[in-house]
C-alpha atoms as a PDB file:
ATOM      1  CA  UNK A   1     114.092  95.070 112.943  1.00  0.00           C
ATOM      2  CA  UNK A   2     113.790  97.185 109.776  1.00  0.00           C
ATOM      3  CA  UNK A   3     115.892 100.312 109.625  1.00  0.00           C
ATOM      4  CA  UNK A   4     114.158 103.569 108.793  1.00  0.00           C
ATOM      5  CA  UNK A   5     115.283 105.038 105.477  1.00  0.00           C
ATOM      6  CA  UNK A   6     116.261 108.688 105.171  1.00  0.00           C
ATOM      7  CA  UNK A   7     116.969 110.816 102.107  1.00  0.00           C
ATOM      8  CA  UNK A   8     119.601 113.531 102.532  1.00  0.00           C
ATOM      9  CA  UNK A   9     119.683 116.172  99.770  1.00  0.00           C
ATOM     10  CA  UNK A  10     122.540 118.578 100.507  1.00  0.00           C
ATOM     11  CA  UNK A  11     124.861 120.198  97.953  1.00  0.00           C
ATOM     12  CA  UNK A  12     127.637 121.111 100.392  1.00  0.00           C
ATOM     13  CA  UNK A  13     130.034 118.139 100.275  1.00  0.00           C
ATOM     14  CA  UNK A  14     131.156 118.477 103.872  1.00  0.00           C
ATOM     15  CA  UNK A  15     127.624 118.797 105.293  1.00  0.00           C
ATOM     16  CA  UNK A  16     126.388 115.953 103.107  1.00  0.00           C
ATOM     17  CA  UNK A  17     129.166 113.679 104.337  1.00  0.00           C
ATOM     18  CA  UNK A  18     128.790 114.466 108.035  1.00  0.00           C
ATOM     19  CA  UNK A  19     125.002 114.255 108.076  1.00  0.00           C
ATOM     20  CA  UNK A  20     125.144 110.942 106.241  1.00  0.00           C
ATOM     21  CA  UNK A  21     127.765 109.508 108.615  1.00  0.00           C
ATOM     22  CA  UNK A  22     125.893 110.773 111.663  1.00  0.00           C
ATOM     23  CA  UNK A  23     122.662 109.091 110.551  1.00  0.00           C
ATOM     24  CA  UNK A  24     124.402 105.853 109.558  1.00  0.00           C
ATOM     25  CA  UNK A  25     125.958 105.714 113.021  1.00  0.00           C
ATOM     26  CA  UNK A  26     122.417 106.013 114.410  1.00  0.00           C
ATOM     27  CA  UNK A  27     121.507 102.917 112.365  1.00  0.00           C
ATOM     28  CA  UNK A  28     119.462 104.645 109.669  1.00  0.00           C
ATOM     29  CA  UNK A  29     119.506 103.516 106.048  1.00  0.00           C
ATOM     30  CA  UNK A  30     120.724 106.686 104.312  1.00  0.00           C
ATOM     31  CA  UNK A  31     120.552 107.698 100.660  1.00  0.00           C
ATOM     32  CA  UNK A  32     122.210 110.997  99.795  1.00  0.00           C
ATOM     33  CA  UNK A  33     122.433 113.276  96.786  1.00  0.00           C
ATOM     34  CA  UNK A  34     123.687 116.757  95.972  1.00  0.00           C
ATOM     35  CA  UNK A  35     121.043 118.329  93.754  1.00  0.00           C
ATOM     36  CA  UNK A  36     117.279 118.639  93.508  1.00  0.00           C
ATOM     37  CA  UNK A  37     116.923 116.693  90.300  1.00  0.00           C
ATOM     38  CA  UNK A  38     118.536 113.606  91.821  1.00  0.00           C
ATOM     39  CA  UNK A  39     116.459 114.028  95.000  1.00  0.00           C
ATOM     40  CA  UNK A  40     113.242 113.949  92.977  1.00  0.00           C
ATOM     41  CA  UNK A  41     114.466 110.919  91.030  1.00  0.00           C
ATOM     42  CA  UNK A  42     115.238 109.036  94.248  1.00  0.00           C
ATOM     43  CA  UNK A  43     111.805 109.789  95.744  1.00  0.00           C
ATOM     44  CA  UNK A  44     110.186 108.347  92.626  1.00  0.00           C
ATOM     45  CA  UNK A  45     112.210 105.141  92.908  1.00  0.00           C
ATOM     46  CA  UNK A  46     111.403 104.351  96.523  1.00  0.00           C
ATOM     47  CA  UNK A  47     109.582 105.480  99.642  1.00  0.00           C
ATOM     48  CA  UNK A  48     111.530 107.147 102.441  1.00  0.00           C
ATOM     49  CA  UNK A  49     110.584 107.366 106.085  1.00  0.00           C
ATOM     50  CA  UNK A  50     111.954 110.914 106.193  1.00  0.00           C
ATOM     51  CA  UNK A  51     113.749 113.439 103.975  1.00  0.00           C
ATOM     52  CA  UNK A  52     116.271 116.115 104.928  1.00  0.00           C
ATOM     53  CA  UNK A  53     116.508 118.715 102.183  1.00  0.00           C
ATOM     54  CA  UNK A  54     118.655 121.806 101.862  1.00  0.00           C
ATOM     55  CA  UNK A  55     116.651 124.852 100.815  1.00  0.00           C
ATOM     56  CA  UNK A  56     119.074 126.040  98.135  1.00  0.00           C
ATOM     57  CA  UNK A  57     119.833 122.948  96.069  1.00  0.00           C
ATOM     58  CA  UNK A  58     121.086 123.280  92.469  1.00  0.00           C
ATOM     59  CA  UNK A  59     118.919 122.264  89.477  1.00  0.00           C
ATOM     60  CA  UNK A  60     115.717 122.190  91.575  1.00  0.00           C
ATOM     61  CA  UNK A  61     115.629 124.058  94.873  1.00  0.00           C
ATOM     62  CA  UNK A  62     114.411 122.570  98.140  1.00  0.00           C
ATOM     63  CA  UNK A  63     110.910 124.038  97.797  1.00  0.00           C
ATOM     64  CA  UNK A  64     110.456 122.380  94.401  1.00  0.00           C
ATOM     65  CA  UNK A  65     111.700 119.045  95.759  1.00  0.00           C
ATOM     66  CA  UNK A  66     109.387 119.395  98.751  1.00  0.00           C
ATOM     67  CA  UNK A  67     106.385 120.029  96.509  1.00  0.00           C
ATOM     68  CA  UNK A  68     107.227 116.988  94.384  1.00  0.00           C
ATOM     69  CA  UNK A  69     107.458 114.855  97.534  1.00  0.00           C
ATOM     70  CA  UNK A  70     104.059 116.140  98.634  1.00  0.00           C
ATOM     71  CA  UNK A  71     102.703 114.888  95.299  1.00  0.00           C
ATOM     72  CA  UNK A  72     103.665 111.364  96.346  1.00  0.00           C
ATOM     73  CA  UNK A  73     100.894 109.157  97.647  1.00  0.00           C
ATOM     74  CA  UNK A  74     102.564 107.994 100.859  1.00  0.00           C
ATOM     75  CA  UNK A  75     103.388 111.017 102.993  1.00  0.00           C
ATOM     76  CA  UNK A  76     107.033 111.555 103.899  1.00  0.00           C
ATOM     77  CA  UNK A  77     108.064 113.828 106.795  1.00  0.00           C
ATOM     78  CA  UNK A  78     110.411 116.551 105.540  1.00  0.00           C
ATOM     79  CA  UNK A  79     112.977 118.651 107.380  1.00  0.00           C
ATOM     80  CA  UNK A  80     114.229 121.664 105.434  1.00  0.00           C
ATOM     81  CA  UNK A  81     117.743 122.857 106.296  1.00  0.00           C
ATOM     82  CA  UNK A  82     118.751 126.443 105.638  1.00  0.00           C
ATOM     83  CA  UNK A  83     121.387 128.987 106.600  1.00  0.00           C
ATOM     84  CA  UNK A  84     119.196 131.879 105.474  1.00  0.00           C
ATOM     85  CA  UNK A  85     116.960 133.109 108.282  1.00  0.00           C
ATOM     86  CA  UNK A  86     114.209 134.781 106.254  1.00  0.00           C
ATOM     87  CA  UNK A  87     110.586 135.066 107.332  1.00  0.00           C
ATOM     88  CA  UNK A  88     109.502 134.919 103.684  1.00  0.00           C
ATOM     89  CA  UNK A  89     111.431 131.679 103.093  1.00  0.00           C
ATOM     90  CA  UNK A  90     110.095 130.170 106.310  1.00  0.00           C
ATOM     91  CA  UNK A  91     106.478 130.952 105.414  1.00  0.00           C
ATOM     92  CA  UNK A  92     106.920 129.550 101.895  1.00  0.00           C
ATOM     93  CA  UNK A  93     108.598 126.437 103.278  1.00  0.00           C
ATOM     94  CA  UNK A  94     105.748 125.633 105.640  1.00  0.00           C
ATOM     95  CA  UNK A  95     103.119 126.493 103.016  1.00  0.00           C
ATOM     96  CA  UNK A  96     104.781 123.967 100.709  1.00  0.00           C
ATOM     97  CA  UNK A  97     104.392 121.221 103.295  1.00  0.00           C
ATOM     98  CA  UNK A  98     107.569 121.083 105.387  1.00  0.00           C
ATOM     99  CA  UNK A  99     107.205 119.502 108.803  1.00  0.00           C
ATOM    100  CA  UNK A 100     110.158 121.293 110.373  1.00  0.00           C
ATOM    101  CA  UNK A 101     112.929 123.757 109.555  1.00  0.00           C
ATOM    102  CA  UNK A 102     116.456 123.170 110.854  1.00  0.00           C
ATOM    103  CA  UNK A 103     118.587 126.292 110.844  1.00  0.00           C
ATOM    104  CA  UNK A 104     122.282 125.907 110.119  1.00  0.00           C
ATOM    105  CA  UNK A 105     124.855 125.449 111.523  1.00  0.00           C
ATOM    106  CA  UNK A 106     123.528 121.949 112.150  1.00  0.00           C
ATOM    107  CA  UNK A 107     122.861 121.044 115.761  1.00  0.00           C
ATOM    108  CA  UNK A 108     123.071 117.254 115.661  1.00  0.00           C
ATOM    109  CA  UNK A 109     121.345 116.695 118.990  1.00  0.00           C
ATOM    110  CA  UNK A 110     118.363 118.771 117.855  1.00  0.00           C
ATOM    111  CA  UNK A 111     118.402 117.137 114.414  1.00  0.00           C
ATOM    112  CA  UNK A 112     118.314 113.668 115.980  1.00  0.00           C
ATOM    113  CA  UNK A 113     115.388 114.669 118.220  1.00  0.00           C
ATOM    114  CA  UNK A 114     113.508 116.106 115.230  1.00  0.00           C
ATOM    115  CA  UNK A 115     114.053 112.942 113.195  1.00  0.00           C
ATOM    116  CA  UNK A 116     113.024 110.582 115.996  1.00  0.00           C
ATOM    117  CA  UNK A 117     109.865 112.555 116.708  1.00  0.00           C
ATOM    118  CA  UNK A 118     108.751 112.742 113.067  1.00  0.00           C
ATOM    119  CA  UNK A 119     109.394 109.067 112.376  1.00  0.00           C
ATOM    120  CA  UNK A 120     107.494 108.045 115.514  1.00  0.00           C
ATOM    121  CA  UNK A 121     104.564 110.238 114.486  1.00  0.00           C
ATOM    122  CA  UNK A 122     104.557 108.753 111.011  1.00  0.00           C
ATOM    123  CA  UNK A 123     104.584 105.164 112.276  1.00  0.00           C
ATOM    124  CA  UNK A 124     101.546 105.910 114.466  1.00  0.00           C
ATOM    125  CA  UNK A 125      99.519 107.933 111.969  1.00  0.00           C
ATOM    126  CA  UNK A 126     100.035 106.573 108.485  1.00  0.00           C
ATOM    127  CA  UNK A 127      98.471 103.108 108.614  1.00  0.00           C
ATOM    128  CA  UNK A 128      94.872 102.939 107.421  1.00  0.00           C
ATOM    129  CA  UNK A 129      92.033 100.624 108.383  1.00  0.00           C
ATOM    130  CA  UNK A 130      88.684 100.857 106.646  1.00  0.00           C
ATOM    131  CA  UNK A 131      86.127  98.086 106.686  1.00  0.00           C
ATOM    132  CA  UNK A 132      88.065  94.825 106.539  1.00  0.00           C
ATOM    133  CA  UNK A 133      91.064  96.349 104.710  1.00  0.00           C
ATOM    134  CA  UNK A 134      94.267  97.391 106.483  1.00  0.00           C
ATOM    135  CA  UNK A 135      97.088  99.274 104.717  1.00  0.00           C
ATOM    136  CA  UNK A 136     100.548  99.638 106.250  1.00  0.00           C
ATOM    137  CA  UNK A 137     102.691 102.016 104.143  1.00  0.00           C
ATOM    138  CA  UNK A 138     105.983 101.341 105.945  1.00  0.00           C
ATOM    139  CA  UNK A 139     105.876  97.656 104.996  1.00  0.00           C
ATOM    140  CA  UNK A 140     103.679  98.249 101.923  1.00  0.00           C
ATOM    141  CA  UNK A 141     101.297  95.630 103.247  1.00  0.00           C
ATOM    142  CA  UNK A 142      97.627  95.176 102.410  1.00  0.00           C
ATOM    143  CA  UNK A 143      95.447  92.873 104.505  1.00  0.00           C
ATOM    144  CA  UNK A 144      91.805  92.118 103.741  1.00  0.00           C
ATOM    145  CA  UNK A 145      89.657  89.940 105.932  1.00  0.00           C
ATOM    146  CA  UNK A 146      92.820  88.919 107.856  1.00  0.00           C
ATOM    147  CA  UNK A 147      94.545  87.691 104.690  1.00  0.00           C
ATOM    148  CA  UNK A 148      97.472  89.462 103.051  1.00  0.00           C
ATOM    149  CA  UNK A 149      96.936  90.591  99.462  1.00  0.00           C
ATOM    150  CA  UNK A 150      99.971  91.168  97.268  1.00  0.00           C
ATOM    151  CA  UNK A 151      99.853  94.604  95.616  1.00  0.00           C
ATOM    152  CA  UNK A 152     102.400  95.952  93.166  1.00  0.00           C
ATOM    153  CA  UNK A 153     104.111  99.267  93.897  1.00  0.00           C
ATOM    154  CA  UNK A 154     101.591 101.290  91.885  1.00  0.00           C
ATOM    155  CA  UNK A 155      98.610  99.266  93.075  1.00  0.00           C
ATOM    156  CA  UNK A 156      99.522  99.959  96.702  1.00  0.00           C
ATOM    157  CA  UNK A 157     100.038 103.666  95.991  1.00  0.00           C
ATOM    158  CA  UNK A 158      96.647 103.873  94.314  1.00  0.00           C
ATOM    159  CA  UNK A 159      94.982 102.023  97.205  1.00  0.00           C
ATOM    160  CA  UNK A 160      96.621 104.347  99.722  1.00  0.00           C
ATOM    161  CA  UNK A 161      95.610 107.415  97.714  1.00  0.00           C
ATOM    162  CA  UNK A 162      91.967 106.349  97.579  1.00  0.00           C
ATOM    163  CA  UNK A 163      91.691 105.044 101.137  1.00  0.00           C
ATOM    164  CA  UNK A 164      93.416 108.042 102.719  1.00  0.00           C
ATOM    165  CA  UNK A 165      90.926 110.304 100.884  1.00  0.00           C
ATOM    166  CA  UNK A 166      87.943 107.981 101.040  1.00  0.00           C
ATOM    167  CA  UNK A 167      85.294 110.626 100.298  1.00  0.00           C
ATOM    168  CA  UNK A 168      87.165 112.198  97.373  1.00  0.00           C
ATOM    169  CA  UNK A 169      86.764 111.355  93.698  1.00  0.00           C
ATOM    170  CA  UNK A 170      90.067 111.264  91.800  1.00  0.00           C
ATOM    171  CA  UNK A 171      90.043 111.960  88.087  1.00  0.00           C
ATOM    172  CA  UNK A 172      92.137 109.891  85.699  1.00  0.00           C
ATOM    173  CA  UNK A 173      94.489 112.864  85.319  1.00  0.00           C
ATOM    174  CA  UNK A 174      94.999 113.071  89.085  1.00  0.00           C
ATOM    175  CA  UNK A 175      95.736 109.358  89.365  1.00  0.00           C
ATOM    176  CA  UNK A 176      98.176 109.679  86.467  1.00  0.00           C
ATOM    177  CA  UNK A 177     100.100 112.528  88.100  1.00  0.00           C
ATOM    178  CA  UNK A 178     100.027 111.177  91.675  1.00  0.00           C
ATOM    179  CA  UNK A 179     100.542 107.460  91.106  1.00  0.00           C
ATOM    180  CA  UNK A 180     101.855 106.794  87.616  1.00  0.00           C
ATOM    181  CA  UNK A 181     104.478 108.385  85.421  1.00  0.00           C
ATOM    182  CA  UNK A 182     103.393 111.271  83.207  1.00  0.00           C
ATOM    183  CA  UNK A 183     104.924 109.462  80.225  1.00  0.00           C
ATOM    184  CA  UNK A 184     102.183 106.810  80.188  1.00  0.00           C
ATOM    185  CA  UNK A 185      98.688 107.256  78.771  1.00  0.00           C
ATOM    186  CA  UNK A 186      95.375 107.636  80.568  1.00  0.00           C
ATOM    187  CA  UNK A 187      94.561 104.089  79.467  1.00  0.00           C
ATOM    188  CA  UNK A 188      97.153 102.863  81.974  1.00  0.00           C
ATOM    189  CA  UNK A 189      95.044 104.396  84.743  1.00  0.00           C
ATOM    190  CA  UNK A 190      92.026 102.268  83.797  1.00  0.00           C
ATOM    191  CA  UNK A 191      94.209  99.162  83.708  1.00  0.00           C
ATOM    192  CA  UNK A 192      95.657  99.929  87.141  1.00  0.00           C
ATOM    193  CA  UNK A 193      92.225 100.603  88.664  1.00  0.00           C
ATOM    194  CA  UNK A 194      90.875  97.393  87.162  1.00  0.00           C
ATOM    195  CA  UNK A 195      93.727  95.331  88.657  1.00  0.00           C
ATOM    196  CA  UNK A 196      93.316  96.888  92.097  1.00  0.00           C
ATOM    197  CA  UNK A 197      89.528  96.471  92.034  1.00  0.00           C
ATOM    198  CA  UNK A 198      89.946  92.798  91.170  1.00  0.00           C
ATOM    199  CA  UNK A 199      92.364  92.205  94.047  1.00  0.00           C
ATOM    200  CA  UNK A 200      90.321  94.064  96.674  1.00  0.00           C
ATOM    201  CA  UNK A 201      87.124  92.315  95.651  1.00  0.00           C
ATOM    202  CA  UNK A 202      83.514  93.263  96.298  1.00  0.00           C
ATOM    203  CA  UNK A 203      81.305  94.475  99.090  1.00  0.00           C
ATOM    204  CA  UNK A 204      77.617  93.621  98.760  1.00  0.00           C
ATOM    205  CA  UNK A 205      78.160  92.577  95.139  1.00  0.00           C
ATOM    206  CA  UNK A 206      79.834  95.876  94.237  1.00  0.00           C
ATOM    207  CA  UNK A 207      83.513  96.632  93.818  1.00  0.00           C
ATOM    208  CA  UNK A 208      85.281  98.220  96.791  1.00  0.00           C
ATOM    209  CA  UNK A 209      86.686 100.691  94.244  1.00  0.00           C
ATOM    210  CA  UNK A 210      83.927 102.325  92.242  1.00  0.00           C
ATOM    211  CA  UNK A 211      83.903 104.354  89.054  1.00  0.00           C
ATOM    212  CA  UNK A 212      81.970 107.616  89.169  1.00  0.00           C
ATOM    213  CA  UNK A 213      80.791 108.305  85.619  1.00  0.00           C
ATOM    214  CA  UNK A 214      82.511 111.294  83.977  1.00  0.00           C
ATOM    215  CA  UNK A 215      84.355 112.047  87.214  1.00  0.00           C
ATOM    216  CA  UNK A 216      86.825 109.352  88.224  1.00  0.00           C
ATOM    217  CA  UNK A 217      87.335 106.830  91.001  1.00  0.00           C
ATOM    218  CA  UNK A 218      86.824 106.542  94.751  1.00  0.00           C
ATOM    219  CA  UNK A 219      86.293 104.023  97.513  1.00  0.00           C
ATOM    220  CA  UNK A 220      82.687 102.820  97.468  1.00  0.00           C
ATOM    221  CA  UNK A 221      80.742 105.076  99.814  1.00  0.00           C
ATOM    222  CA  UNK A 222      78.748 102.140 101.162  1.00  0.00           C
ATOM    223  CA  UNK A 223      81.960 100.238 101.901  1.00  0.00           C
ATOM    224  CA  UNK A 224      83.797 103.204 103.462  1.00  0.00           C
ATOM    225  CA  UNK A 225      80.882 103.827 105.820  1.00  0.00           C
ATOM    226  CA  UNK A 226      80.554 100.186 106.834  1.00  0.00           C
ATOM    227  CA  UNK A 227      81.415  99.115 110.392  1.00  0.00           C
ATOM    228  CA  UNK A 228      82.888  95.829 111.617  1.00  0.00           C
ATOM    229  CA  UNK A 229      82.485  93.940 108.385  1.00  0.00           C
END
């Protein structure tokens, strides 16, 4: 059985160590760091099932890290830890997309319950099924017409972005910022879309992924509204 992966971003050495050991003893795959810059780098390298982030990290604070995580295609539940009980901080934390706040000192029984609940919710809610295409973000699996289709990391992220917002048109700039690295050119977006369109195939002689002239890309409206293909 696959172990759920958790990111722990905590700059206090003692707290970082004990949280990491606690989670490892609960059979989680734990990656830890001590500043916001490294936390952001880790979230760009791989997907996590959950992140635990201290509010006052050096280099980039917890709110900044949280916002960067929310820019990722596949949603990641986030618990913000803080020893500052401020209504202003709490409001800003939830506005930025936190799922829960854990007030220090850490209560490990409560933390474990929070983690278990969020991971269970994610496993139930995050898979997508539209038409004859099924996307499972935990296993990064794409199935079409009961056959698995191999997608690269960026191809899967683009598919998940489009299918989880099936009525929205995404501009090239949005795809660049949400799926690719800002260091590449807009031409890389067209290449990525073309590869994904080729792999997902057609529906009624039209690509499942369509280009909207002068606007961007989306899932074909006819395909997204189809039933029991």
